[in-house]
Each structure stands twice: as structure tokens, then as C-alpha cells.
Protein backbone atom coordinates (compact mmCIF):
# COMPACT_ATOMS: atom_id res chain seq x y z
CA MET A 1 -6.17 -17.33 14.52
CA GLU A 2 -2.98 -15.71 15.75
CA LEU A 3 -3.60 -12.57 13.68
CA TRP A 4 -7.03 -12.23 15.26
CA ALA A 5 -5.76 -12.76 18.80
CA TYR A 6 -3.54 -9.69 18.64
CA GLN A 7 -6.13 -7.60 16.82
CA ASN A 8 -8.85 -8.45 19.33
CA GLU A 9 -6.48 -7.69 22.19
CA ILE A 10 -5.60 -4.18 21.02
CA CYS A 11 -9.15 -3.31 19.93
CA GLY A 12 -10.72 -4.22 23.25
CA GLY A 13 -14.15 -4.99 21.83
CA THR A 14 -14.36 -1.91 19.63
CA SER A 15 -16.36 -2.62 16.47
CA PRO A 16 -16.35 -2.31 13.54
CA VAL A 17 -12.61 -2.06 13.00
CA CYS A 18 -10.82 -1.58 9.69
CA GLY A 19 -7.23 -2.40 8.91
CA VAL A 20 -5.30 0.07 6.75
CA ASP A 21 -2.03 -0.34 4.88
CA GLU A 22 -0.23 1.08 1.87
CA ALA A 23 1.97 -0.05 -0.98
CA GLY A 24 4.42 2.05 -2.94
CA ARG A 25 5.98 4.53 -0.55
CA GLY A 26 9.51 3.70 -1.65
CA PRO A 27 9.53 3.36 -5.45
CA LEU A 28 10.95 5.89 -7.90
CA ALA A 29 7.80 5.79 -10.02
CA GLY A 30 4.05 5.29 -9.82
CA PRO A 31 1.36 6.15 -7.30
CA VAL A 32 1.15 5.18 -3.65
CA CYS A 33 -1.88 2.99 -3.02
CA ALA A 34 -3.73 2.23 0.20
CA ALA A 35 -6.49 -0.14 1.25
CA ALA A 36 -8.91 -0.30 4.17
CA VAL A 37 -10.63 -3.57 5.05
CA ILE A 38 -13.32 -4.60 7.52
CA LEU A 39 -13.38 -8.37 7.90
CA PRO A 40 -16.05 -10.48 9.61
CA SER A 41 -14.90 -11.03 13.19
CA ASN A 42 -12.44 -13.92 13.50
CA LEU A 43 -12.81 -14.92 9.86
CA GLU A 44 -10.09 -17.46 9.17
CA ILE A 45 -8.38 -16.95 5.80
CA PRO A 46 -5.73 -19.65 5.27
CA GLY A 47 -2.40 -18.16 4.27
CA LEU A 48 -3.30 -14.59 5.25
CA ASN A 49 -0.11 -12.70 6.04
CA ASP A 50 1.92 -9.58 5.35
CA SER A 51 1.84 -9.13 1.56
CA LYS A 52 5.63 -8.83 1.43
CA LYS A 53 5.93 -12.41 2.70
CA LEU A 54 3.75 -13.82 -0.08
CA ASN A 55 4.48 -14.48 -3.73
CA GLU A 56 2.48 -12.80 -6.47
CA LYS A 57 0.29 -15.84 -7.19
CA LYS A 58 -0.67 -16.22 -3.52
CA ARG A 59 -1.43 -12.49 -3.20
CA GLU A 60 -3.73 -12.64 -6.23
CA THR A 61 -5.57 -15.64 -4.77
CA LEU A 62 -5.96 -13.96 -1.39
CA PHE A 63 -7.07 -10.72 -3.05
CA ASN A 64 -10.10 -12.53 -4.44
CA ILE A 65 -10.88 -14.26 -1.14
CA ILE A 66 -10.62 -11.00 0.81
CA THR A 67 -12.78 -8.97 -1.56
CA GLN A 68 -15.41 -11.73 -1.65
CA ASN A 69 -15.58 -12.11 2.14
CA ALA A 70 -14.91 -8.63 3.54
CA LEU A 71 -17.80 -6.78 5.12
CA ALA A 72 -16.42 -3.68 3.42
CA TYR A 73 -13.24 -2.59 1.67
CA GLY A 74 -11.85 0.43 -0.09
CA VAL A 75 -8.78 0.90 -2.25
CA ALA A 76 -7.43 4.30 -3.31
CA CYS A 77 -4.24 5.91 -4.57
CA ALA A 78 -2.42 9.21 -4.51
CA SER A 79 -0.89 10.20 -7.82
CA VAL A 80 2.69 11.05 -8.66
CA GLU A 81 1.60 14.70 -8.92
CA GLU A 82 0.15 14.57 -5.40
CA ILE A 83 3.28 12.87 -4.06
CA GLU A 84 5.42 15.64 -5.54
CA GLU A 85 3.11 18.40 -4.32
CA LEU A 86 2.58 17.12 -0.77
CA ASN A 87 5.52 14.74 -0.02
CA ILE A 88 5.26 10.97 0.25
CA LEU A 89 4.02 10.85 3.86
CA GLU A 90 1.16 13.29 3.27
CA ALA A 91 0.30 11.56 0.00
CA THR A 92 0.16 8.25 1.87
CA TYR A 93 -2.26 9.76 4.40
CA LEU A 94 -4.32 11.07 1.49
CA ALA A 95 -4.56 7.61 -0.08
CA MET A 96 -5.40 6.03 3.28
CA ASN A 97 -8.13 8.58 4.03
CA ARG A 98 -9.60 8.03 0.58
CA ALA A 99 -9.62 4.25 1.13
CA ILE A 100 -11.31 4.54 4.54
CA ALA A 101 -13.87 6.98 3.14
CA GLN A 102 -14.85 4.40 0.52
CA LEU A 103 -15.95 1.88 3.16
CA SER A 104 -19.68 1.18 3.03
CA ILE A 105 -19.59 0.61 6.80
CA LYS A 106 -18.22 3.44 8.94
CA PRO A 107 -15.45 2.07 11.15
CA ALA A 108 -15.30 2.92 14.84
CA LEU A 109 -11.53 2.51 14.70
CA ALA A 110 -8.87 2.26 12.00
CA LEU A 111 -5.73 0.22 12.64
CA ILE A 112 -2.91 1.91 10.73
CA ASP A 113 0.17 -0.09 9.84
CA GLY A 114 3.31 1.69 11.02
CA ASN A 115 4.16 4.27 13.66
CA ARG A 116 2.53 7.44 12.31
CA ASN A 117 -1.15 8.34 11.99
CA SER A 118 -1.20 12.10 12.52
CA GLY A 119 -2.71 12.70 9.08
CA ILE A 120 -5.53 10.17 9.40
CA GLU A 121 -8.93 11.87 9.55
CA PHE A 122 -10.67 8.98 11.32
CA PRO A 123 -10.30 7.53 14.84
CA SER A 124 -7.18 5.43 14.57
CA ILE A 125 -4.25 3.81 16.32
CA CYS A 126 -0.85 2.76 14.97
CA VAL A 127 0.29 -0.84 14.92
CA ILE A 128 3.99 -1.22 14.18
CA GLY A 129 4.45 -4.27 11.98
CA GLY A 130 0.69 -4.55 11.84
CA ASP A 131 0.64 -6.29 8.47
CA GLY A 132 2.14 -9.32 10.19
CA LYS A 133 0.18 -8.99 13.45
CA CYS A 134 -3.43 -8.05 12.65
CA ALA A 135 -5.76 -9.87 10.27
CA SER A 136 -7.43 -6.71 8.96
CA ILE A 137 -4.14 -4.94 8.28
CA ALA A 138 -2.70 -8.04 6.58
CA ALA A 139 -5.78 -8.10 4.34
CA ALA A 140 -5.36 -4.40 3.56
CA SER A 141 -1.69 -4.90 2.72
CA ILE A 142 -2.64 -7.51 0.12
CA LEU A 143 -5.33 -5.37 -1.50
CA ALA A 144 -3.00 -2.36 -1.68
CA LYS A 145 -0.06 -4.36 -3.06
CA VAL A 146 -2.06 -6.27 -5.68
CA THR A 147 -3.83 -3.10 -6.82
CA ARG A 148 -0.57 -1.20 -7.23
CA ASP A 149 1.18 -4.09 -8.98
CA ARG A 150 -1.68 -4.34 -11.46
CA LEU A 151 -1.42 -0.62 -12.15
CA MET A 152 2.32 -0.87 -12.74
CA ARG A 153 1.79 -3.71 -15.21
CA GLU A 154 -0.66 -1.49 -17.08
CA TYR A 155 1.86 1.36 -17.07
CA ASP A 156 4.45 -1.05 -18.45
CA GLU A 157 2.37 -1.25 -21.63
CA GLN A 158 2.55 2.54 -21.97
CA TYR A 159 6.26 2.80 -21.13
CA PRO A 160 7.77 -0.62 -21.90
CA GLN A 161 11.33 0.70 -21.93
CA TYR A 162 11.45 1.02 -18.13
CA GLY A 163 10.46 -2.51 -17.11
CA PHE A 164 7.71 -1.46 -14.69
CA ALA A 165 6.06 -4.90 -14.89
CA LYS A 166 9.17 -6.45 -13.34
CA HIS A 167 10.35 -3.98 -10.70
CA LYS A 168 7.06 -2.10 -10.14
CA GLY A 169 8.92 1.21 -10.10
CA TYR A 170 11.46 0.37 -7.41
CA GLY A 171 15.06 1.45 -7.77
CA THR A 172 16.63 -1.67 -9.21
CA ALA A 173 19.82 -1.66 -11.25
CA ALA A 174 17.78 -2.29 -14.40
CA HIS A 175 15.48 0.62 -13.59
CA TYR A 176 18.39 3.02 -13.04
CA ALA A 177 19.94 1.82 -16.30
CA ALA A 178 16.70 2.59 -18.14
CA LEU A 179 16.54 6.01 -16.52
CA ARG A 180 20.06 6.81 -17.66
CA GLU A 181 19.17 5.78 -21.19
CA TYR A 182 15.68 7.24 -21.55
CA GLY A 183 15.36 9.87 -18.82
CA LEU A 184 12.21 10.35 -16.75
CA CYS A 185 8.66 9.66 -17.88
CA PRO A 186 5.49 11.20 -16.38
CA LEU A 187 5.24 8.32 -13.90
CA HIS A 188 8.55 9.10 -12.23
CA ARG A 189 8.84 11.00 -8.96
CA PRO A 190 11.49 13.70 -9.52
CA SER A 191 11.93 14.29 -5.79
CA PHE A 192 12.95 10.64 -5.38
CA LEU A 193 15.73 11.06 -7.93
CA LYS A 194 17.59 13.93 -6.28
CA LYS A 195 20.48 11.58 -5.64
CA GLY A 196 20.94 11.27 -9.36
CA LEU A 197 20.41 8.46 -11.79
CA HIS A 198 23.42 6.56 -10.45
CA GLY A 199 21.98 6.42 -6.93
CA GLU A 200 24.80 8.64 -5.71
CA THR A 201 24.30 11.96 -3.97
CA LYS A 202 25.02 14.92 -6.22
CA ASN A 203 27.40 17.59 -5.00
CA GLY A 204 25.85 20.91 -4.09
């Protein structure tokens, strides 16, 4: 119940509360996805934690438990085109706002993972490291991560030469090697590759 203790403390009785988190701010390719989750108060979900601390099998299991037990949840993405047009921070806000707007229950407060919430259109507060502190944010982190990973596996079938199913679009050595060999595909974020395909800053 540790995740609930902190969440209840910072919310001060406000209800309903949704947790909000994103996945995919850092990769070189693919959308940024966000989730918003309203859980029944003090619902104990064994193993619930920051998605980054869980393996893929555990995240998939928890995804099903969360979606089956949540009072409401929403998952949304911002496309590569929107990331390039807006910038990654504004695109993240866009995905988060879309996810919150999907909720069938209007939240009185949104708990946003991280230290910035200026682009959130709903009453909200920031919780730094919230995916490891608050139950609702931890749940949102899992829904966002699993959704994005599933999308990247689908994209891998369209563009198998890049290995999206393995690295999910992040800048691994194998991904950079594929970029040097094949160039960019429509899923890549050109603005994230300004340092060049060797990961080194270009002159000029």
C-alpha cells in the first residue's frame, strides 16, 4: 500500500484522481504515447510499479489487471509528424491531454509524472518520480509503455530492417547501424537525428 500512502497524502482527499504518464519521449522513432488512469481507492495490485522496473511479461500481465479493474482509463499518442511540428514536450502534453479527455469519469485532479505540467489542460500537479511513488501514475506508466511497445512491434512488420521490435525505436548501436545502411523511414524523427547517424554532433 506504499504507493497509495504517498498518493493519498499529496491528494488530500481530492477525488477522483487520475495518474498520467508517458512512454517514448526519448526514442529516435515512433510516436509518444500517454495514459491516464483512475483506480478504485486503495486498490492493491500486486507487483504494481514503475514500468521501467518491470520486465515485458510482467507489464503485459499488469496491463490486463489494470484495464480490468480501473474505474476509467485512456491511452493516446502523438504522431511523429506532431512531434516534429510541435517539439517533443508539446507533443507529450498533447498525448497526455488526449488520454485524460478519454476518461469516462472526469477527474478532479491529474497527477502528472515529472516536473512540468504547463501544457496540461486539466487541473493537475507534478509528481517527480511519480511512476514509482503513486499507484495511479504507476498504472498509467504501464499502460503507456505496453501500448507503445505493441505499436513498435507492429511497425517492425512494416519496416523489419530497423529492428523496432527489439529496441522500440531507441538509439541503440544496432538501430544506428540500420540507419546508416537504410536511411530514415517515415517513423523516424528527423529532429532527433541532428547529431548525425553516428551519434556525433555535426560541425556547423
